[in-house]
Amino acid sequence: MLVAMAAFYAAGLHRSVSLDAVIAHHERLEAAVSAHFAATAAAYFALYALAVAVSFPGASLVTIVGGFLFGPLVGTLLTAVAATLGAGVVFLAARTTLGGILRQRAGRFAARFADGFAANAFSYLLFLRLVPLFPFWLVNVAPALFDVKLRTYIAATAIGILPGTLAYTLVGDGLGGLIEAQEMANPGCAAARTCQIEPGALLTPGLVLAIAALSLAALLPVLVKRLRQRR
């Protein structure tokens, strides 16, 4: 995994993933998907899993690209499975001698997770997946430090990332319309990279509220158990 991480950053892939780049090359990307759907879907899946495995910080943007290229249904499926696979790789690596760097990096933050994992590992991890309070890489590593079972980790991860993944793919699905509107107002802005589309502006309050509601629901079992213990 460390070799893959080094190769990912050495190749400059972390710099080539940006909203401006997607907008500038949107016609080529759409044409490639139309002509070679299976191959582009497989390439997207592999790149996303690798990005998660090497803790690339721009996963949300890549998820938006997935929605833009493949639509909300296929985009969500590809992204969710790839993200779960990549997270599983990180989790397993953190349990081996190769994960020493990851465990050292997470150690100073991980202590605050102890009570939650001890009370109800599945619900707590589900909550951490639904609510992006901590970096994704940290939530990938922390359960391995508290002996969370692999099946619990995979199940909570697969379920917990679905709402956020769907939200971002829905945003990506609407990106084409935003690009078209920008081109009408400022012809040639896509190729010139002057279209004014900010990532934060793509999220709607409704999507944020929906994710927050699901997150609170995931945390209820932990809260109920703590209340019973106090009584």
C-alpha atoms as a PDB file:
ATOM      1  CA  MET A   1       0.000   0.000   0.000  1.00  0.00           C
ATOM      2  CA  LEU A   2       2.850   2.375   0.772  1.00  0.00           C
ATOM      3  CA  VAL A   3       4.287   1.739  -2.691  1.00  0.00           C
ATOM      4  CA  ALA A   4       0.913   2.526  -4.267  1.00  0.00           C
ATOM      5  CA  MET A   5       0.671   5.710  -2.219  1.00  0.00           C
ATOM      6  CA  ALA A   6       4.094   6.871  -3.335  1.00  0.00           C
ATOM      7  CA  ALA A   7       3.340   6.055  -6.982  1.00  0.00           C
ATOM      8  CA  PHE A   8      -0.003   7.887  -6.818  1.00  0.00           C
ATOM      9  CA  TYR A   9       1.556  11.129  -5.635  1.00  0.00           C
ATOM     10  CA  ALA A  10       4.752  10.758  -7.696  1.00  0.00           C
ATOM     11  CA  ALA A  11       2.652  10.494 -10.860  1.00  0.00           C
ATOM     12  CA  GLY A  12       0.966  13.781 -10.002  1.00  0.00           C
ATOM     13  CA  LEU A  13      -2.529  12.265  -9.985  1.00  0.00           C
ATOM     14  CA  HIS A  14      -3.407  14.283  -6.883  1.00  0.00           C
ATOM     15  CA  ARG A  15      -2.895  17.511  -8.885  1.00  0.00           C
ATOM     16  CA  SER A  16      -4.828  16.437 -11.958  1.00  0.00           C
ATOM     17  CA  VAL A  17      -8.075  15.903 -10.038  1.00  0.00           C
ATOM     18  CA  SER A  18      -9.813  19.271  -9.833  1.00  0.00           C
ATOM     19  CA  LEU A  19     -13.189  20.731 -10.715  1.00  0.00           C
ATOM     20  CA  ASP A  20     -11.561  23.040 -13.268  1.00  0.00           C
ATOM     21  CA  ALA A  21      -9.954  20.067 -15.018  1.00  0.00           C
ATOM     22  CA  VAL A  22     -13.262  18.198 -15.145  1.00  0.00           C
ATOM     23  CA  ILE A  23     -15.069  21.223 -16.581  1.00  0.00           C
ATOM     24  CA  ALA A  24     -12.328  21.872 -19.140  1.00  0.00           C
ATOM     25  CA  HIS A  25     -12.375  18.270 -20.381  1.00  0.00           C
ATOM     26  CA  HIS A  26     -16.055  17.461 -19.814  1.00  0.00           C
ATOM     27  CA  GLU A  27     -16.775  16.818 -23.491  1.00  0.00           C
ATOM     28  CA  ARG A  28     -13.882  14.349 -23.810  1.00  0.00           C
ATOM     29  CA  LEU A  29     -14.876  12.598 -20.620  1.00  0.00           C
ATOM     30  CA  GLU A  30     -18.507  12.260 -21.674  1.00  0.00           C
ATOM     31  CA  ALA A  31     -17.452  11.006 -25.117  1.00  0.00           C
ATOM     32  CA  ALA A  32     -15.152   8.389 -23.555  1.00  0.00           C
ATOM     33  CA  VAL A  33     -17.928   7.111 -21.289  1.00  0.00           C
ATOM     34  CA  SER A  34     -20.359   6.981 -24.218  1.00  0.00           C
ATOM     35  CA  ALA A  35     -17.925   5.060 -26.437  1.00  0.00           C
ATOM     36  CA  HIS A  36     -16.360   2.784 -23.791  1.00  0.00           C
ATOM     37  CA  PHE A  37     -18.744   2.613 -20.855  1.00  0.00           C
ATOM     38  CA  ALA A  38     -17.468  -0.627 -19.291  1.00  0.00           C
ATOM     39  CA  ALA A  39     -13.807   0.345 -19.603  1.00  0.00           C
ATOM     40  CA  THR A  40     -14.291   3.850 -18.186  1.00  0.00           C
ATOM     41  CA  ALA A  41     -16.443   2.499 -15.344  1.00  0.00           C
ATOM     42  CA  ALA A  42     -13.731  -0.051 -14.484  1.00  0.00           C
ATOM     43  CA  ALA A  43     -11.043   2.641 -14.634  1.00  0.00           C
ATOM     44  CA  TYR A  44     -13.084   4.951 -12.386  1.00  0.00           C
ATOM     45  CA  PHE A  45     -13.677   2.110  -9.913  1.00  0.00           C
ATOM     46  CA  ALA A  46      -9.980   1.215  -9.750  1.00  0.00           C
ATOM     47  CA  LEU A  47      -8.839   4.830  -9.402  1.00  0.00           C
ATOM     48  CA  TYR A  48     -11.381   5.537  -6.670  1.00  0.00           C
ATOM     49  CA  ALA A  49     -10.405   2.459  -4.670  1.00  0.00           C
ATOM     50  CA  LEU A  50      -6.742   3.461  -5.030  1.00  0.00           C
ATOM     51  CA  ALA A  51      -7.488   7.058  -3.995  1.00  0.00           C
ATOM     52  CA  VAL A  52      -9.154   5.842  -0.801  1.00  0.00           C
ATOM     53  CA  ALA A  53      -6.383   3.338  -0.102  1.00  0.00           C
ATOM     54  CA  VAL A  54      -3.736   6.090  -0.333  1.00  0.00           C
ATOM     55  CA  SER A  55      -5.899   8.547   1.657  1.00  0.00           C
ATOM     56  CA  PHE A  56      -6.280  11.047  -1.176  1.00  0.00           C
ATOM     57  CA  PRO A  57      -8.090  14.095   0.322  1.00  0.00           C
ATOM     58  CA  GLY A  58     -10.172  14.928  -2.779  1.00  0.00           C
ATOM     59  CA  ALA A  59     -12.504  11.916  -2.690  1.00  0.00           C
ATOM     60  CA  SER A  60     -15.622  14.109  -2.500  1.00  0.00           C
ATOM     61  CA  LEU A  61     -14.712  15.799  -5.766  1.00  0.00           C
ATOM     62  CA  VAL A  62     -14.044  12.430  -7.406  1.00  0.00           C
ATOM     63  CA  THR A  63     -17.495  11.306  -6.228  1.00  0.00           C
ATOM     64  CA  ILE A  64     -19.016  14.349  -7.939  1.00  0.00           C
ATOM     65  CA  VAL A  65     -17.165  13.381 -11.122  1.00  0.00           C
ATOM     66  CA  GLY A  66     -18.612   9.872 -10.816  1.00  0.00           C
ATOM     67  CA  GLY A  67     -22.119  11.292 -10.672  1.00  0.00           C
ATOM     68  CA  PHE A  68     -21.402  13.559 -13.627  1.00  0.00           C
ATOM     69  CA  LEU A  69     -20.053  10.721 -15.790  1.00  0.00           C
ATOM     70  CA  PHE A  70     -22.250   7.784 -14.779  1.00  0.00           C
ATOM     71  CA  GLY A  71     -25.387   9.281 -13.251  1.00  0.00           C
ATOM     72  CA  PRO A  72     -26.695   8.930  -9.698  1.00  0.00           C
ATOM     73  CA  LEU A  73     -27.467   5.196  -9.737  1.00  0.00           C
ATOM     74  CA  VAL A  74     -24.363   3.729 -11.399  1.00  0.00           C
ATOM     75  CA  GLY A  75     -22.153   6.484  -9.988  1.00  0.00           C
ATOM     76  CA  THR A  76     -23.301   5.758  -6.427  1.00  0.00           C
ATOM     77  CA  LEU A  77     -22.846   1.993  -6.857  1.00  0.00           C
ATOM     78  CA  LEU A  78     -19.349   2.279  -8.342  1.00  0.00           C
ATOM     79  CA  THR A  79     -18.214   4.821  -5.764  1.00  0.00           C
ATOM     80  CA  ALA A  80     -19.682   3.075  -2.706  1.00  0.00           C
ATOM     81  CA  VAL A  81     -18.201  -0.322  -3.563  1.00  0.00           C
ATOM     82  CA  ALA A  82     -14.817   1.171  -4.534  1.00  0.00           C
ATOM     83  CA  ALA A  83     -14.686   3.290  -1.365  1.00  0.00           C
ATOM     84  CA  THR A  84     -15.555   0.295   0.813  1.00  0.00           C
ATOM     85  CA  LEU A  85     -12.866  -1.774  -0.894  1.00  0.00           C
ATOM     86  CA  GLY A  86     -10.246   0.959  -0.486  1.00  0.00           C
ATOM     87  CA  ALA A  87     -11.212   1.508   3.149  1.00  0.00           C
ATOM     88  CA  GLY A  88     -10.961  -2.236   3.761  1.00  0.00           C
ATOM     89  CA  VAL A  89      -7.407  -2.214   2.413  1.00  0.00           C
ATOM     90  CA  VAL A  90      -6.468   0.586   4.829  1.00  0.00           C
ATOM     91  CA  PHE A  91      -8.158  -1.232   7.725  1.00  0.00           C
ATOM     92  CA  LEU A  92      -6.272  -4.476   7.039  1.00  0.00           C
ATOM     93  CA  ALA A  93      -2.997  -2.616   6.519  1.00  0.00           C
ATOM     94  CA  ALA A  94      -3.410  -0.921   9.902  1.00  0.00           C
ATOM     95  CA  ARG A  95      -3.544  -4.373  11.530  1.00  0.00           C
ATOM     96  CA  THR A  96      -0.212  -5.454  10.066  1.00  0.00           C
ATOM     97  CA  THR A  97       3.368  -4.343  10.563  1.00  0.00           C
ATOM     98  CA  LEU A  98       2.972  -2.305   7.377  1.00  0.00           C
ATOM     99  CA  GLY A  99       0.415  -0.190   9.184  1.00  0.00           C
ATOM    100  CA  GLY A 100       2.847   1.181  11.743  1.00  0.00           C
ATOM    101  CA  ILE A 101       2.933   4.609  10.124  1.00  0.00           C
ATOM    102  CA  LEU A 102      -0.861   4.720   9.917  1.00  0.00           C
ATOM    103  CA  ARG A 103      -1.267   3.706  13.547  1.00  0.00           C
ATOM    104  CA  GLN A 104       1.322   6.235  14.685  1.00  0.00           C
ATOM    105  CA  ARG A 105      -0.407   8.964  12.679  1.00  0.00           C
ATOM    106  CA  ALA A 106      -3.837   8.092  14.106  1.00  0.00           C
ATOM    107  CA  GLY A 107      -2.724   7.380  17.658  1.00  0.00           C
ATOM    108  CA  ARG A 108      -3.030  10.910  19.009  1.00  0.00           C
ATOM    109  CA  PHE A 109      -6.590  11.200  17.688  1.00  0.00           C
ATOM    110  CA  ALA A 110      -7.814   7.650  18.245  1.00  0.00           C
ATOM    111  CA  ALA A 111      -8.217   7.780  22.039  1.00  0.00           C
ATOM    112  CA  ARG A 112     -11.387   9.857  21.718  1.00  0.00           C
ATOM    113  CA  PHE A 113     -13.026   6.963  19.834  1.00  0.00           C
ATOM    114  CA  ALA A 114     -12.496   4.383  22.581  1.00  0.00           C
ATOM    115  CA  ASP A 115     -15.821   4.785  24.441  1.00  0.00           C
ATOM    116  CA  GLY A 116     -17.880   4.810  21.249  1.00  0.00           C
ATOM    117  CA  PHE A 117     -16.381   1.612  19.867  1.00  0.00           C
ATOM    118  CA  ALA A 118     -16.645  -0.083  23.254  1.00  0.00           C
ATOM    119  CA  ALA A 119     -20.349   0.792  23.597  1.00  0.00           C
ATOM    120  CA  ASN A 120     -21.547  -0.228  20.136  1.00  0.00           C
ATOM    121  CA  ALA A 121     -18.936  -0.583  17.422  1.00  0.00           C
ATOM    122  CA  PHE A 122     -21.375  -0.888  14.513  1.00  0.00           C
ATOM    123  CA  SER A 123     -23.580   2.087  15.417  1.00  0.00           C
ATOM    124  CA  TYR A 124     -20.647   4.281  16.360  1.00  0.00           C
ATOM    125  CA  LEU A 125     -18.756   3.528  13.154  1.00  0.00           C
ATOM    126  CA  LEU A 126     -21.967   4.060  11.192  1.00  0.00           C
ATOM    127  CA  PHE A 127     -22.289   7.482  12.818  1.00  0.00           C
ATOM    128  CA  LEU A 128     -18.676   8.359  12.021  1.00  0.00           C
ATOM    129  CA  ARG A 129     -19.296   7.419   8.380  1.00  0.00           C
ATOM    130  CA  LEU A 130     -22.485   9.437   8.130  1.00  0.00           C
ATOM    131  CA  VAL A 131     -21.098  12.532   9.829  1.00  0.00           C
ATOM    132  CA  PRO A 132     -17.788  13.793   8.400  1.00  0.00           C
ATOM    133  CA  LEU A 133     -16.488  15.072  11.745  1.00  0.00           C
ATOM    134  CA  PHE A 134     -13.119  13.413  11.253  1.00  0.00           C
ATOM    135  CA  PRO A 135     -10.941  12.763   8.171  1.00  0.00           C
ATOM    136  CA  PHE A 136     -11.965   9.688   6.192  1.00  0.00           C
ATOM    137  CA  TRP A 137      -8.481   8.143   6.551  1.00  0.00           C
ATOM    138  CA  LEU A 138      -8.685   8.435  10.342  1.00  0.00           C
ATOM    139  CA  VAL A 139     -12.047   6.661  10.484  1.00  0.00           C
ATOM    140  CA  ASN A 140     -10.537   3.950   8.271  1.00  0.00           C
ATOM    141  CA  VAL A 141      -7.675   3.341  10.694  1.00  0.00           C
ATOM    142  CA  ALA A 142      -9.218   3.909  14.135  1.00  0.00           C
ATOM    143  CA  PRO A 143     -11.464   0.785  14.230  1.00  0.00           C
ATOM    144  CA  ALA A 144      -8.395  -1.405  13.660  1.00  0.00           C
ATOM    145  CA  LEU A 145      -6.878   0.008  16.847  1.00  0.00           C
ATOM    146  CA  PHE A 146      -9.880  -1.148  18.900  1.00  0.00           C
ATOM    147  CA  ASP A 147     -10.184  -4.680  17.499  1.00  0.00           C
ATOM    148  CA  VAL A 148     -13.377  -4.006  15.555  1.00  0.00           C
ATOM    149  CA  LYS A 149     -14.240  -7.094  13.509  1.00  0.00           C
ATOM    150  CA  LEU A 150     -13.714  -6.879   9.756  1.00  0.00           C
ATOM    151  CA  ARG A 151     -17.333  -7.792   8.952  1.00  0.00           C
ATOM    152  CA  THR A 152     -18.592  -5.079  11.312  1.00  0.00           C
ATOM    153  CA  TYR A 153     -16.239  -2.574   9.736  1.00  0.00           C
ATOM    154  CA  ILE A 154     -17.240  -3.473   6.158  1.00  0.00           C
ATOM    155  CA  ALA A 155     -20.973  -3.475   6.917  1.00  0.00           C
ATOM    156  CA  ALA A 156     -20.941  -0.118   8.743  1.00  0.00           C
ATOM    157  CA  THR A 157     -18.730   1.420   6.077  1.00  0.00           C
ATOM    158  CA  ALA A 158     -20.839   0.174   3.162  1.00  0.00           C
ATOM    159  CA  ILE A 159     -24.065   1.444   4.730  1.00  0.00           C
ATOM    160  CA  GLY A 160     -22.675   4.601   6.293  1.00  0.00           C
ATOM    161  CA  ILE A 161     -21.128   6.064   3.156  1.00  0.00           C
ATOM    162  CA  LEU A 162     -24.238   5.558   0.990  1.00  0.00           C
ATOM    163  CA  PRO A 163     -26.128   8.782   1.911  1.00  0.00           C
ATOM    164  CA  GLY A 164     -23.104  11.028   1.392  1.00  0.00           C
ATOM    165  CA  THR A 165     -22.129   9.181  -1.776  1.00  0.00           C
ATOM    166  CA  LEU A 166     -25.630   9.540  -3.195  1.00  0.00           C
ATOM    167  CA  ALA A 167     -25.681  13.224  -2.264  1.00  0.00           C
ATOM    168  CA  TYR A 168     -22.422  13.956  -4.065  1.00  0.00           C
ATOM    169  CA  THR A 169     -23.340  11.880  -7.117  1.00  0.00           C
ATOM    170  CA  LEU A 170     -26.624  13.781  -7.360  1.00  0.00           C
ATOM    171  CA  VAL A 171     -24.590  16.977  -7.287  1.00  0.00           C
ATOM    172  CA  GLY A 172     -22.399  15.583 -10.050  1.00  0.00           C
ATOM    173  CA  ASP A 173     -25.437  14.554 -12.063  1.00  0.00           C
ATOM    174  CA  GLY A 174     -26.477  18.214 -12.162  1.00  0.00           C
ATOM    175  CA  LEU A 175     -23.003  19.482 -13.038  1.00  0.00           C
ATOM    176  CA  GLY A 176     -23.630  19.203 -16.774  1.00  0.00           C
ATOM    177  CA  GLY A 177     -26.500  21.672 -16.559  1.00  0.00           C
ATOM    178  CA  LEU A 178     -24.351  24.120 -14.603  1.00  0.00           C
ATOM    179  CA  ILE A 179     -21.574  23.893 -17.189  1.00  0.00           C
ATOM    180  CA  GLU A 180     -24.101  24.479 -19.976  1.00  0.00           C
ATOM    181  CA  ALA A 181     -25.462  27.541 -18.179  1.00  0.00           C
ATOM    182  CA  GLN A 182     -21.958  28.919 -17.670  1.00  0.00           C
ATOM    183  CA  GLU A 183     -21.136  28.367 -21.349  1.00  0.00           C
ATOM    184  CA  MET A 184     -24.239  30.254 -22.380  1.00  0.00           C
ATOM    185  CA  ALA A 185     -23.320  33.188 -20.145  1.00  0.00           C
ATOM    186  CA  ASN A 186     -19.612  33.048 -20.973  1.00  0.00           C
ATOM    187  CA  PRO A 187     -18.932  31.112 -24.219  1.00  0.00           C
ATOM    188  CA  GLY A 188     -15.671  29.184 -24.158  1.00  0.00           C
ATOM    189  CA  CYS A 189     -15.261  29.389 -20.393  1.00  0.00           C
ATOM    190  CA  ALA A 190     -14.951  25.611 -19.992  1.00  0.00           C
ATOM    191  CA  ALA A 191     -11.897  25.288 -22.222  1.00  0.00           C
ATOM    192  CA  ALA A 192     -10.435  28.512 -20.810  1.00  0.00           C
ATOM    193  CA  ARG A 193     -11.130  27.314 -17.257  1.00  0.00           C
ATOM    194  CA  THR A 194     -12.917  30.516 -16.377  1.00  0.00           C
ATOM    195  CA  CYS A 195     -16.332  29.061 -15.564  1.00  0.00           C
ATOM    196  CA  GLN A 196     -17.358  30.130 -12.061  1.00  0.00           C
ATOM    197  CA  ILE A 197     -18.563  26.930 -10.385  1.00  0.00           C
ATOM    198  CA  GLU A 198     -17.473  26.430  -6.783  1.00  0.00           C
ATOM    199  CA  PRO A 199     -17.667  22.934  -5.195  1.00  0.00           C
ATOM    200  CA  GLY A 200     -19.374  24.286  -2.070  1.00  0.00           C
ATOM    201  CA  ALA A 201     -22.117  25.918  -4.127  1.00  0.00           C
ATOM    202  CA  LEU A 202     -23.129  22.548  -5.562  1.00  0.00           C
ATOM    203  CA  LEU A 203     -24.453  21.252  -2.224  1.00  0.00           C
ATOM    204  CA  THR A 204     -28.040  22.065  -1.353  1.00  0.00           C
ATOM    205  CA  PRO A 205     -29.292  22.615   2.226  1.00  0.00           C
ATOM    206  CA  GLY A 206     -31.740  19.746   1.748  1.00  0.00           C
ATOM    207  CA  LEU A 207     -28.967  17.239   1.107  1.00  0.00           C
ATOM    208  CA  VAL A 208     -27.002  18.427   4.141  1.00  0.00           C
ATOM    209  CA  LEU A 209     -30.071  18.196   6.410  1.00  0.00           C
ATOM    210  CA  ALA A 210     -30.892  14.707   5.135  1.00  0.00           C
ATOM    211  CA  ILE A 211     -27.396  13.458   5.952  1.00  0.00           C
ATOM    212  CA  ALA A 212     -27.546  15.097   9.394  1.00  0.00           C
ATOM    213  CA  ALA A 213     -30.870  13.368  10.159  1.00  0.00           C
ATOM    214  CA  LEU A 214     -29.514   9.974   9.136  1.00  0.00           C
ATOM    215  CA  SER A 215     -26.431  10.552  11.259  1.00  0.00           C
ATOM    216  CA  LEU A 216     -28.481  11.264  14.376  1.00  0.00           C
ATOM    217  CA  ALA A 217     -30.516   8.128  13.735  1.00  0.00           C
ATOM    218  CA  ALA A 218     -27.318   6.063  13.565  1.00  0.00           C
ATOM    219  CA  LEU A 219     -26.154   7.432  16.910  1.00  0.00           C
ATOM    220  CA  LEU A 220     -29.405   6.651  18.772  1.00  0.00           C
ATOM    221  CA  PRO A 221     -28.414   3.095  19.871  1.00  0.00           C
ATOM    222  CA  VAL A 222     -25.247   4.444  21.500  1.00  0.00           C
ATOM    223  CA  LEU A 223     -27.140   7.237  23.283  1.00  0.00           C
ATOM    224  CA  VAL A 224     -29.877   4.882  24.502  1.00  0.00           C
ATOM    225  CA  LYS A 225     -27.301   2.447  25.896  1.00  0.00           C
ATOM    226  CA  ARG A 226     -25.487   5.226  27.756  1.00  0.00           C
ATOM    227  CA  LEU A 227     -28.762   6.510  29.246  1.00  0.00           C
ATOM    228  CA  ARG A 228     -29.616   3.017  30.488  1.00  0.00           C
ATOM    229  CA  GLN A 229     -26.178   2.647  32.055  1.00  0.00           C
ATOM    230  CA  ARG A 230     -26.575   5.926  33.958  1.00  0.00           C
ATOM    231  CA  ARG A 231     -29.919   4.811  35.338  1.00  0.00           C
END
